[in-house]
Amino acid sequence: MLMHAFTSEDLLQYLYGETPTEKAALIKTALENDWTLQEEMKILSGEIDMLEAISLSPSKKSIDNILNYAKKNVEPIIELV
């Protein structure tokens, strides 16, 4: 049986359902037969779960700084007469 080498990027695409059908079938078959690949997939799945559990949002101060910077650097599109 011909074994393929899959990168972490390939596995991430597979996890997110972004892999072309033919390649997804190859990865699925490889996962059924390759213990090392199964372990790598478990690790990546766990890392994705941890990232999704983190709630990130910018602070109010950061948002205010961005808005203030934008106000200073915006030229009016039309002038009122």
Foldseek 3Di string as FASTA:
>chain_A
DDADDDDVVLLVCLVVVNDPPVSNVNLVVCCVPPPVSVVSSVVVVVVVVVVVPDDDDDDPVVVVVVVVVVVVPDDDPDDDD
